[in-house]
Structure formats: C-alpha cells, structure tokens
Protein backbone atom coordinates (compact mmCIF):
# COMPACT_ATOMS: atom_id res chain seq x y z
CA MET A 1 0.00 0.00 0.00
CA PRO A 2 1.57 3.35 -1.01
CA ALA A 3 2.20 6.03 1.56
CA LYS A 4 -0.39 8.74 1.97
CA ARG A 5 0.40 11.81 -0.12
CA LYS A 6 1.40 14.89 1.78
CA PRO A 7 0.00 18.05 0.18
CA PRO A 8 2.46 20.82 -0.71
CA PRO A 9 2.64 23.85 1.59
CA GLN A 10 -0.05 26.49 1.08
CA TRP A 11 2.45 29.16 0.01
CA TRP A 12 3.64 26.84 -2.79
CA LEU A 13 0.10 26.06 -3.90
CA LEU A 14 -0.71 29.77 -4.06
CA GLY A 15 2.36 30.46 -6.19
CA TYR A 16 1.61 27.55 -8.51
CA LEU A 17 -2.04 28.47 -8.99
CA THR A 18 -1.21 32.14 -9.48
CA GLN A 19 1.32 31.35 -12.18
CA TYR A 20 -0.20 28.38 -13.97
CA GLN A 21 -3.92 28.26 -13.11
CA PRO A 22 -5.00 31.87 -12.40
CA GLN A 23 -8.59 31.44 -13.62
CA LYS A 24 -9.10 28.42 -11.34
CA LEU A 25 -7.77 30.41 -8.38
CA LEU A 26 -9.99 33.41 -9.15
CA SER A 27 -13.10 31.26 -9.57
CA GLU A 28 -12.44 29.54 -6.22
CA LEU A 29 -12.02 32.94 -4.56
CA GLU A 30 -15.39 34.02 -5.96
CA LYS A 31 -17.02 30.80 -4.69
CA LEU A 32 -15.70 31.63 -1.21
CA GLY A 33 -17.16 35.13 -1.43
CA VAL A 34 -13.81 36.90 -1.74
CA ASP A 35 -13.49 39.70 -4.28
CA PRO A 36 -10.56 38.82 -6.59
CA GLY A 37 -9.92 42.55 -6.97
CA ILE A 38 -8.63 42.55 -3.39
CA LEU A 39 -5.98 40.02 -4.39
CA TYR A 40 -4.85 42.26 -7.25
CA LYS A 41 -4.77 45.32 -4.97
CA ALA A 42 -2.71 43.44 -2.38
CA ALA A 43 -0.25 42.30 -5.06
CA ALA A 44 0.11 45.84 -6.41
CA GLN A 45 0.66 47.24 -2.91
CA ALA A 46 3.22 44.54 -2.08
CA ALA A 47 5.10 45.33 -5.30
CA GLN A 48 5.18 49.03 -4.42
CA ASP A 49 6.63 48.24 -1.00
CA MET A 50 9.38 45.95 -2.34
CA PRO A 51 12.99 47.08 -2.20
CA SER A 52 14.29 48.30 -5.58
CA GLU A 53 16.55 45.28 -6.12
CA SER A 54 13.74 42.77 -5.51
CA TYR A 55 11.37 44.76 -7.71
CA ARG A 56 13.92 44.80 -10.56
CA LYS A 57 14.38 41.02 -10.29
CA MET A 58 10.63 40.49 -10.34
CA SER A 59 10.04 42.78 -13.31
CA LYS A 60 12.96 41.29 -15.26
CA ALA A 61 11.65 37.76 -14.65
CA TRP A 62 8.24 38.86 -15.94
CA ALA A 63 9.77 40.50 -19.03
CA VAL A 64 11.85 37.39 -19.81
CA ARG A 65 8.78 35.17 -19.45
CA GLN A 66 6.75 37.41 -21.79
CA HIS A 67 9.59 37.40 -24.32
CA ARG A 68 9.75 33.58 -24.25
CA ILE A 69 5.99 33.30 -24.66
CA ARG A 70 6.04 35.65 -27.66
CA ASN A 71 8.96 33.81 -29.25
CA SER A 72 7.41 30.37 -28.75
CA SER A 73 4.11 31.48 -30.31
CA ASN A 74 5.91 32.88 -33.38
CA GLN A 75 7.55 29.57 -34.20
C-alpha cells in the first residue's frame, strides 16, 4: 500500500495556482465570497513596498517570461 500523499505547503500552492492556473484560483475565490480585486490590490501594494533590487528582479523575470511566450508562439 503506497504512503499517503502529503499536500504541498499552502504558500507553494498559491504560487503555482497564481502562475499556472490563475482562472481556477480566481473562480475559487469568488465561490468563497472573496473579491478577486482585493488580491490584485494586495499584489500591487506589495510590489510598491518591495525594495528596488527585488522589484527589478521580479520585473525582469516577468519580461523574460513574456519574451519567451512571444517567441514560442511565433515559431
């Protein structure tokens, strides 16, 4: 009998769903009665409060990802 699966930590699940399954996350928030707009506002506020170095890393990672997506769709 295989061992019982241990679910990943909640912070990891949030990151995964945000990056790869955003519509699923937003629909679940709506089912729970939470306005998804609050999540966006919190993310925007957190980004504003980040130190410059961390913000640059985050924005560069986003730009690189967008570039890769554009390049892969052109091929």
